[in-house]
């Protein structure tokens, strides 16, 4: 397996949850949970935190992480990851969202494995969604074709009237490095703006995203109330 570069874009001024990367979860900042999981991934040659905030910079350094300061003008984590990756030599880049404290190293490795097969310039993770998650607009849903490529992402339950398995999107993306840089130069698309989902820029421009199903409990932190849910799941794992 070719080695990949892992980048954790982390900003402090989240609209729904300011200071989210610093939020404590069972005594550790959320960013630390994500960084430690990424550091255990066998497929990642380096793990870099990319931020525009001095408080996150200081935390990353305290954790012993490699960290770079990036522009405060980025509209998405993808654009921040692209800036960090621009001057680095890597075949593949994994964008690891900093609000995934339940992420496991094996999930990252499975994503990189799918990406290196070359079926698409981009890959991402998904997991089976419970009924409550399907109805939650903070939880992004994804539908795929018979080959596992994404057809659409939405905050609404998709497919409409579906009675089988629903899948939620897990915020970890893998890219061929050249495609990531190309993507960051594309203008925001109409669907991206409508759903406020950056991955729709890829689909709307005619590119494919290979989706990889991951097992185990996984829950993104979107609002402060999610911390309680995450802590309960982590206690079962520890």
C-alpha atoms as a PDB file:
ATOM      1  CA  UNK A   1       0.000   0.000   0.000  1.00  0.00           C
ATOM      2  CA  UNK A   2       1.335   3.410  -0.946  1.00  0.00           C
ATOM      3  CA  UNK A   3       1.776   5.766   1.969  1.00  0.00           C
ATOM      4  CA  UNK A   4      -0.555   8.734   2.340  1.00  0.00           C
ATOM      5  CA  UNK A   5      -0.400  12.082   4.097  1.00  0.00           C
ATOM      6  CA  UNK A   6      -3.010  12.736   6.789  1.00  0.00           C
ATOM      7  CA  UNK A   7      -4.208  16.300   7.375  1.00  0.00           C
ATOM      8  CA  UNK A   8      -6.572  17.334  10.171  1.00  0.00           C
ATOM      9  CA  UNK A   9      -8.118  20.738   9.322  1.00  0.00           C
ATOM     10  CA  UNK A  10      -9.226  22.356  12.571  1.00  0.00           C
ATOM     11  CA  UNK A  11     -10.763  25.792  12.986  1.00  0.00           C
ATOM     12  CA  UNK A  12     -11.923  27.383  16.195  1.00  0.00           C
ATOM     13  CA  UNK A  13     -14.816  29.548  15.021  1.00  0.00           C
ATOM     14  CA  UNK A  14     -17.437  26.948  14.098  1.00  0.00           C
ATOM     15  CA  UNK A  15     -20.886  28.518  13.711  1.00  0.00           C
ATOM     16  CA  UNK A  16     -22.777  25.784  15.538  1.00  0.00           C
ATOM     17  CA  UNK A  17     -20.066  24.934  18.068  1.00  0.00           C
ATOM     18  CA  UNK A  18     -17.327  27.552  18.624  1.00  0.00           C
ATOM     19  CA  UNK A  19     -14.116  26.076  20.028  1.00  0.00           C
ATOM     20  CA  UNK A  20     -15.164  22.549  19.022  1.00  0.00           C
ATOM     21  CA  UNK A  21     -11.634  21.070  18.566  1.00  0.00           C
ATOM     22  CA  UNK A  22     -10.791  22.091  22.142  1.00  0.00           C
ATOM     23  CA  UNK A  23     -13.964  20.701  23.710  1.00  0.00           C
ATOM     24  CA  UNK A  24     -13.145  18.138  26.434  1.00  0.00           C
ATOM     25  CA  UNK A  25     -14.281  14.545  25.951  1.00  0.00           C
ATOM     26  CA  UNK A  26     -13.561  12.238  28.898  1.00  0.00           C
ATOM     27  CA  UNK A  27     -10.775  14.580  29.977  1.00  0.00           C
ATOM     28  CA  UNK A  28      -9.098  14.982  26.580  1.00  0.00           C
ATOM     29  CA  UNK A  29      -9.662  17.669  23.935  1.00  0.00           C
ATOM     30  CA  UNK A  30     -11.603  16.417  20.926  1.00  0.00           C
ATOM     31  CA  UNK A  31      -8.664  17.134  18.641  1.00  0.00           C
ATOM     32  CA  UNK A  32      -6.493  14.803  20.707  1.00  0.00           C
ATOM     33  CA  UNK A  33      -8.862  11.865  20.176  1.00  0.00           C
ATOM     34  CA  UNK A  34      -8.763  12.430  16.419  1.00  0.00           C
ATOM     35  CA  UNK A  35      -4.996  12.964  16.256  1.00  0.00           C
ATOM     36  CA  UNK A  36      -4.223   9.848  18.289  1.00  0.00           C
ATOM     37  CA  UNK A  37      -6.446   7.685  16.057  1.00  0.00           C
ATOM     38  CA  UNK A  38      -4.869   9.107  12.903  1.00  0.00           C
ATOM     39  CA  UNK A  39      -1.383   8.535  14.309  1.00  0.00           C
ATOM     40  CA  UNK A  40      -2.128   4.823  14.691  1.00  0.00           C
ATOM     41  CA  UNK A  41      -3.142   4.417  11.045  1.00  0.00           C
ATOM     42  CA  UNK A  42      -0.564   2.259   9.256  1.00  0.00           C
ATOM     43  CA  UNK A  43      -1.333   3.859   5.890  1.00  0.00           C
ATOM     44  CA  UNK A  44      -0.378   7.400   6.932  1.00  0.00           C
ATOM     45  CA  UNK A  45       3.228   8.441   6.628  1.00  0.00           C
ATOM     46  CA  UNK A  46       2.650  11.797   8.345  1.00  0.00           C
ATOM     47  CA  UNK A  47      -0.213  13.421  10.240  1.00  0.00           C
ATOM     48  CA  UNK A  48      -0.444  17.224  10.167  1.00  0.00           C
ATOM     49  CA  UNK A  49      -2.872  19.553  11.932  1.00  0.00           C
ATOM     50  CA  UNK A  50      -3.841  22.533   9.761  1.00  0.00           C
ATOM     51  CA  UNK A  51      -5.392  25.494  11.567  1.00  0.00           C
ATOM     52  CA  UNK A  52      -5.808  29.256  11.547  1.00  0.00           C
ATOM     53  CA  UNK A  53      -6.073  29.654  15.325  1.00  0.00           C
ATOM     54  CA  UNK A  54      -3.241  30.075  17.817  1.00  0.00           C
ATOM     55  CA  UNK A  55      -5.106  28.117  20.514  1.00  0.00           C
ATOM     56  CA  UNK A  56      -5.344  25.046  18.301  1.00  0.00           C
ATOM     57  CA  UNK A  57      -1.738  25.540  17.224  1.00  0.00           C
ATOM     58  CA  UNK A  58      -0.617  25.470  20.856  1.00  0.00           C
ATOM     59  CA  UNK A  59      -2.679  22.355  21.616  1.00  0.00           C
ATOM     60  CA  UNK A  60      -1.277  20.529  18.593  1.00  0.00           C
ATOM     61  CA  UNK A  61       2.269  21.357  19.639  1.00  0.00           C
ATOM     62  CA  UNK A  62       1.503  20.172  23.171  1.00  0.00           C
ATOM     63  CA  UNK A  63       0.383  16.846  21.680  1.00  0.00           C
ATOM     64  CA  UNK A  64       3.634  16.602  19.741  1.00  0.00           C
ATOM     65  CA  UNK A  65       1.801  16.944  16.448  1.00  0.00           C
ATOM     66  CA  UNK A  66       3.185  18.481  13.302  1.00  0.00           C
ATOM     67  CA  UNK A  67       1.122  21.628  12.721  1.00  0.00           C
ATOM     68  CA  UNK A  68       0.883  24.350  10.076  1.00  0.00           C
ATOM     69  CA  UNK A  69      -0.899  27.690  10.120  1.00  0.00           C
ATOM     70  CA  UNK A  70      -3.240  28.259   7.186  1.00  0.00           C
ATOM     71  CA  UNK A  71      -5.395  31.084   5.886  1.00  0.00           C
ATOM     72  CA  UNK A  72      -8.446  32.173   7.887  1.00  0.00           C
ATOM     73  CA  UNK A  73     -10.334  32.741   4.636  1.00  0.00           C
ATOM     74  CA  UNK A  74     -11.032  29.111   3.757  1.00  0.00           C
ATOM     75  CA  UNK A  75     -14.693  28.194   3.315  1.00  0.00           C
ATOM     76  CA  UNK A  76     -14.144  24.478   3.898  1.00  0.00           C
ATOM     77  CA  UNK A  77     -11.832  21.918   5.428  1.00  0.00           C
ATOM     78  CA  UNK A  78     -11.023  20.715   1.923  1.00  0.00           C
ATOM     79  CA  UNK A  79      -9.571  24.090   0.981  1.00  0.00           C
ATOM     80  CA  UNK A  80      -7.559  24.207   4.214  1.00  0.00           C
ATOM     81  CA  UNK A  81      -6.213  20.705   3.596  1.00  0.00           C
ATOM     82  CA  UNK A  82      -5.281  21.681   0.043  1.00  0.00           C
ATOM     83  CA  UNK A  83      -3.236  24.645   1.267  1.00  0.00           C
ATOM     84  CA  UNK A  84      -1.376  22.427   3.717  1.00  0.00           C
ATOM     85  CA  UNK A  85      -0.724  19.757   1.077  1.00  0.00           C
ATOM     86  CA  UNK A  86       0.309  22.114  -1.724  1.00  0.00           C
ATOM     87  CA  UNK A  87       3.982  22.192  -0.829  1.00  0.00           C
ATOM     88  CA  UNK A  88       4.306  18.578   0.247  1.00  0.00           C
ATOM     89  CA  UNK A  89       5.291  15.481  -1.702  1.00  0.00           C
ATOM     90  CA  UNK A  90       2.572  12.842  -1.422  1.00  0.00           C
ATOM     91  CA  UNK A  91       0.593  10.658  -3.787  1.00  0.00           C
ATOM     92  CA  UNK A  92      -2.498  10.654  -1.593  1.00  0.00           C
ATOM     93  CA  UNK A  93      -3.942  13.000   1.019  1.00  0.00           C
ATOM     94  CA  UNK A  94      -6.474  12.064   3.698  1.00  0.00           C
ATOM     95  CA  UNK A  95      -8.575  14.921   5.043  1.00  0.00           C
ATOM     96  CA  UNK A  96      -9.543  13.887   8.579  1.00  0.00           C
ATOM     97  CA  UNK A  97     -12.228  16.111  10.058  1.00  0.00           C
ATOM     98  CA  UNK A  98     -11.441  17.179  13.607  1.00  0.00           C
ATOM     99  CA  UNK A  99     -14.957  16.443  14.872  1.00  0.00           C
ATOM    100  CA  UNK A 100     -14.745  12.639  14.550  1.00  0.00           C
ATOM    101  CA  UNK A 101     -13.555  11.523  18.031  1.00  0.00           C
ATOM    102  CA  UNK A 102     -14.843   7.980  17.481  1.00  0.00           C
ATOM    103  CA  UNK A 103     -12.695   7.495  14.408  1.00  0.00           C
ATOM    104  CA  UNK A 104     -10.468   4.396  14.456  1.00  0.00           C
ATOM    105  CA  UNK A 105      -7.164   3.860  12.667  1.00  0.00           C
ATOM    106  CA  UNK A 106      -8.538   0.867  10.761  1.00  0.00           C
ATOM    107  CA  UNK A 107     -11.197   3.081   9.172  1.00  0.00           C
ATOM    108  CA  UNK A 108      -8.506   5.347   7.751  1.00  0.00           C
ATOM    109  CA  UNK A 109      -6.532   2.360   6.469  1.00  0.00           C
ATOM    110  CA  UNK A 110      -9.576   0.941   4.678  1.00  0.00           C
ATOM    111  CA  UNK A 111     -10.200   4.303   3.054  1.00  0.00           C
ATOM    112  CA  UNK A 112      -6.627   4.616   1.801  1.00  0.00           C
ATOM    113  CA  UNK A 113      -6.741   1.041   0.514  1.00  0.00           C
ATOM    114  CA  UNK A 114      -9.833   1.857  -1.579  1.00  0.00           C
ATOM    115  CA  UNK A 115      -8.295   5.080  -2.809  1.00  0.00           C
ATOM    116  CA  UNK A 116      -5.106   3.423  -4.013  1.00  0.00           C
ATOM    117  CA  UNK A 117      -7.119   1.036  -6.187  1.00  0.00           C
ATOM    118  CA  UNK A 118      -7.619   4.012  -8.491  1.00  0.00           C
ATOM    119  CA  UNK A 119     -11.337   3.601  -9.186  1.00  0.00           C
ATOM    120  CA  UNK A 120     -11.981   7.283  -8.386  1.00  0.00           C
ATOM    121  CA  UNK A 121      -9.910  10.376  -7.572  1.00  0.00           C
ATOM    122  CA  UNK A 122     -11.620  10.648  -4.199  1.00  0.00           C
ATOM    123  CA  UNK A 123     -12.963   8.290  -1.531  1.00  0.00           C
ATOM    124  CA  UNK A 124     -14.840   8.697   1.732  1.00  0.00           C
ATOM    125  CA  UNK A 125     -16.403   6.733   4.585  1.00  0.00           C
ATOM    126  CA  UNK A 126     -19.999   5.892   5.427  1.00  0.00           C
ATOM    127  CA  UNK A 127     -21.741   3.956   8.184  1.00  0.00           C
ATOM    128  CA  UNK A 128     -25.218   2.581   8.725  1.00  0.00           C
ATOM    129  CA  UNK A 129     -27.539   5.171  10.227  1.00  0.00           C
ATOM    130  CA  UNK A 130     -30.127   4.641  12.935  1.00  0.00           C
ATOM    131  CA  UNK A 131     -33.664   6.002  12.657  1.00  0.00           C
ATOM    132  CA  UNK A 132     -32.911   9.021  14.847  1.00  0.00           C
ATOM    133  CA  UNK A 133     -29.858   9.874  12.734  1.00  0.00           C
ATOM    134  CA  UNK A 134     -31.827   9.594   9.497  1.00  0.00           C
ATOM    135  CA  UNK A 135     -34.168  12.333  10.689  1.00  0.00           C
ATOM    136  CA  UNK A 136     -31.411  14.555  12.133  1.00  0.00           C
ATOM    137  CA  UNK A 137     -30.451  17.327   9.700  1.00  0.00           C
ATOM    138  CA  UNK A 138     -27.032  17.604  11.352  1.00  0.00           C
ATOM    139  CA  UNK A 139     -26.298  14.048  10.163  1.00  0.00           C
ATOM    140  CA  UNK A 140     -25.389  13.902   6.479  1.00  0.00           C
ATOM    141  CA  UNK A 141     -26.876  11.011   4.536  1.00  0.00           C
ATOM    142  CA  UNK A 142     -25.428   9.426   1.395  1.00  0.00           C
ATOM    143  CA  UNK A 143     -26.845   7.158  -1.303  1.00  0.00           C
ATOM    144  CA  UNK A 144     -24.584   5.020  -3.490  1.00  0.00           C
ATOM    145  CA  UNK A 145     -24.826   3.056  -6.711  1.00  0.00           C
ATOM    146  CA  UNK A 146     -24.342  -0.707  -7.051  1.00  0.00           C
ATOM    147  CA  UNK A 147     -20.566  -0.212  -7.332  1.00  0.00           C
ATOM    148  CA  UNK A 148     -20.289   1.846  -4.149  1.00  0.00           C
ATOM    149  CA  UNK A 149     -19.907   5.266  -5.757  1.00  0.00           C
ATOM    150  CA  UNK A 150     -21.760   8.196  -4.216  1.00  0.00           C
ATOM    151  CA  UNK A 151     -24.873   9.365  -6.034  1.00  0.00           C
ATOM    152  CA  UNK A 152     -25.850  12.182  -3.669  1.00  0.00           C
ATOM    153  CA  UNK A 153     -25.363  13.577  -0.168  1.00  0.00           C
ATOM    154  CA  UNK A 154     -28.096  15.378   1.778  1.00  0.00           C
ATOM    155  CA  UNK A 155     -29.076  16.575   5.220  1.00  0.00           C
ATOM    156  CA  UNK A 156     -32.574  15.257   4.493  1.00  0.00           C
ATOM    157  CA  UNK A 157     -33.466  11.550   4.605  1.00  0.00           C
ATOM    158  CA  UNK A 158     -32.481  10.016   1.277  1.00  0.00           C
ATOM    159  CA  UNK A 159     -33.769   8.074  -0.500  1.00  0.00           C
ATOM    160  CA  UNK A 160     -37.297   9.437   0.005  1.00  0.00           C
ATOM    161  CA  UNK A 161     -39.570   6.625   1.112  1.00  0.00           C
ATOM    162  CA  UNK A 162     -36.624   4.306   1.685  1.00  0.00           C
ATOM    163  CA  UNK A 163     -37.335   1.256   3.830  1.00  0.00           C
ATOM    164  CA  UNK A 164     -33.944  -0.465   3.790  1.00  0.00           C
ATOM    165  CA  UNK A 165     -30.582   0.634   5.125  1.00  0.00           C
ATOM    166  CA  UNK A 166     -29.746   4.310   5.322  1.00  0.00           C
ATOM    167  CA  UNK A 167     -26.122   5.406   5.353  1.00  0.00           C
ATOM    168  CA  UNK A 168     -24.622   8.424   7.049  1.00  0.00           C
ATOM    169  CA  UNK A 169     -21.513  10.124   5.780  1.00  0.00           C
ATOM    170  CA  UNK A 170     -18.402  10.021   7.970  1.00  0.00           C
ATOM    171  CA  UNK A 171     -16.236  13.123   7.577  1.00  0.00           C
ATOM    172  CA  UNK A 172     -13.014  11.566   6.364  1.00  0.00           C
ATOM    173  CA  UNK A 173     -11.952  12.082   2.739  1.00  0.00           C
ATOM    174  CA  UNK A 174      -9.128  10.622   0.707  1.00  0.00           C
ATOM    175  CA  UNK A 175      -7.856  12.232  -2.497  1.00  0.00           C
ATOM    176  CA  UNK A 176      -5.212  11.847  -5.083  1.00  0.00           C
ATOM    177  CA  UNK A 177      -3.090  14.851  -4.230  1.00  0.00           C
ATOM    178  CA  UNK A 178      -3.359  16.374  -7.701  1.00  0.00           C
ATOM    179  CA  UNK A 179      -7.143  16.093  -7.571  1.00  0.00           C
ATOM    180  CA  UNK A 180      -7.313  17.767  -4.156  1.00  0.00           C
ATOM    181  CA  UNK A 181      -5.400  20.761  -5.495  1.00  0.00           C
ATOM    182  CA  UNK A 182      -7.652  20.859  -8.559  1.00  0.00           C
ATOM    183  CA  UNK A 183     -10.753  20.656  -6.371  1.00  0.00           C
ATOM    184  CA  UNK A 184      -9.654  23.585  -4.229  1.00  0.00           C
ATOM    185  CA  UNK A 185      -9.502  25.745  -7.353  1.00  0.00           C
ATOM    186  CA  UNK A 186     -13.035  24.863  -8.471  1.00  0.00           C
ATOM    187  CA  UNK A 187     -15.696  27.451  -7.596  1.00  0.00           C
ATOM    188  CA  UNK A 188     -18.331  26.449  -5.063  1.00  0.00           C
ATOM    189  CA  UNK A 189     -21.210  24.694  -6.795  1.00  0.00           C
ATOM    190  CA  UNK A 190     -24.938  25.296  -6.543  1.00  0.00           C
ATOM    191  CA  UNK A 191     -25.671  22.021  -4.779  1.00  0.00           C
ATOM    192  CA  UNK A 192     -22.766  22.581  -2.401  1.00  0.00           C
ATOM    193  CA  UNK A 193     -24.245  25.933  -1.379  1.00  0.00           C
ATOM    194  CA  UNK A 194     -27.798  24.597  -1.138  1.00  0.00           C
ATOM    195  CA  UNK A 195     -26.900  21.694   1.186  1.00  0.00           C
ATOM    196  CA  UNK A 196     -23.810  23.321   2.723  1.00  0.00           C
ATOM    197  CA  UNK A 197     -21.868  20.161   1.853  1.00  0.00           C
ATOM    198  CA  UNK A 198     -18.493  20.603   0.180  1.00  0.00           C
ATOM    199  CA  UNK A 199     -18.380  17.067  -1.264  1.00  0.00           C
ATOM    200  CA  UNK A 200     -21.237  17.950  -3.623  1.00  0.00           C
ATOM    201  CA  UNK A 201     -18.789  20.163  -5.543  1.00  0.00           C
ATOM    202  CA  UNK A 202     -17.095  16.948  -6.646  1.00  0.00           C
ATOM    203  CA  UNK A 203     -20.253  15.260  -7.903  1.00  0.00           C
ATOM    204  CA  UNK A 204     -21.603  18.385  -9.566  1.00  0.00           C
ATOM    205  CA  UNK A 205     -18.370  18.703 -11.544  1.00  0.00           C
ATOM    206  CA  UNK A 206     -18.722  15.155 -12.850  1.00  0.00           C
ATOM    207  CA  UNK A 207     -16.179  13.308 -10.683  1.00  0.00           C
ATOM    208  CA  UNK A 208     -16.748  10.117  -8.688  1.00  0.00           C
ATOM    209  CA  UNK A 209     -16.414   9.484  -4.970  1.00  0.00           C
ATOM    210  CA  UNK A 210     -15.835   5.897  -3.864  1.00  0.00           C
ATOM    211  CA  UNK A 211     -17.634   5.209  -0.575  1.00  0.00           C
ATOM    212  CA  UNK A 212     -16.278   2.700   1.946  1.00  0.00           C
ATOM    213  CA  UNK A 213     -18.547   1.299   4.644  1.00  0.00           C
ATOM    214  CA  UNK A 214     -16.999   1.236   8.111  1.00  0.00           C
ATOM    215  CA  UNK A 215     -18.222  -0.744  11.073  1.00  0.00           C
ATOM    216  CA  UNK A 216     -18.276   0.177  14.734  1.00  0.00           C
ATOM    217  CA  UNK A 217     -19.848   3.131  16.492  1.00  0.00           C
ATOM    218  CA  UNK A 218     -19.161   6.426  14.754  1.00  0.00           C
ATOM    219  CA  UNK A 219     -20.679   9.810  15.547  1.00  0.00           C
ATOM    220  CA  UNK A 220     -19.622  13.258  14.403  1.00  0.00           C
ATOM    221  CA  UNK A 221     -19.811  16.139  16.871  1.00  0.00           C
ATOM    222  CA  UNK A 222     -21.907  18.910  15.346  1.00  0.00           C
ATOM    223  CA  UNK A 223     -23.395  20.570  18.433  1.00  0.00           C
ATOM    224  CA  UNK A 224     -22.391  20.556  22.143  1.00  0.00           C
ATOM    225  CA  UNK A 225     -25.132  18.044  22.970  1.00  0.00           C
ATOM    226  CA  UNK A 226     -23.325  15.432  20.869  1.00  0.00           C
ATOM    227  CA  UNK A 227     -20.488  15.309  23.418  1.00  0.00           C
ATOM    228  CA  UNK A 228     -22.657  13.365  25.857  1.00  0.00           C
ATOM    229  CA  UNK A 229     -23.515  10.777  23.191  1.00  0.00           C
ATOM    230  CA  UNK A 230     -19.865  10.405  22.192  1.00  0.00           C
ATOM    231  CA  UNK A 231     -18.719   9.928  25.790  1.00  0.00           C
ATOM    232  CA  UNK A 232     -21.222   7.104  26.302  1.00  0.00           C
ATOM    233  CA  UNK A 233     -19.922   5.328  23.189  1.00  0.00           C
ATOM    234  CA  UNK A 234     -16.296   5.836  24.168  1.00  0.00           C
ATOM    235  CA  UNK A 235     -16.887   4.411  27.636  1.00  0.00           C
ATOM    236  CA  UNK A 236     -18.133   1.193  26.015  1.00  0.00           C
ATOM    237  CA  UNK A 237     -14.985   1.037  23.906  1.00  0.00           C
ATOM    238  CA  UNK A 238     -12.455   1.722  26.687  1.00  0.00           C
END
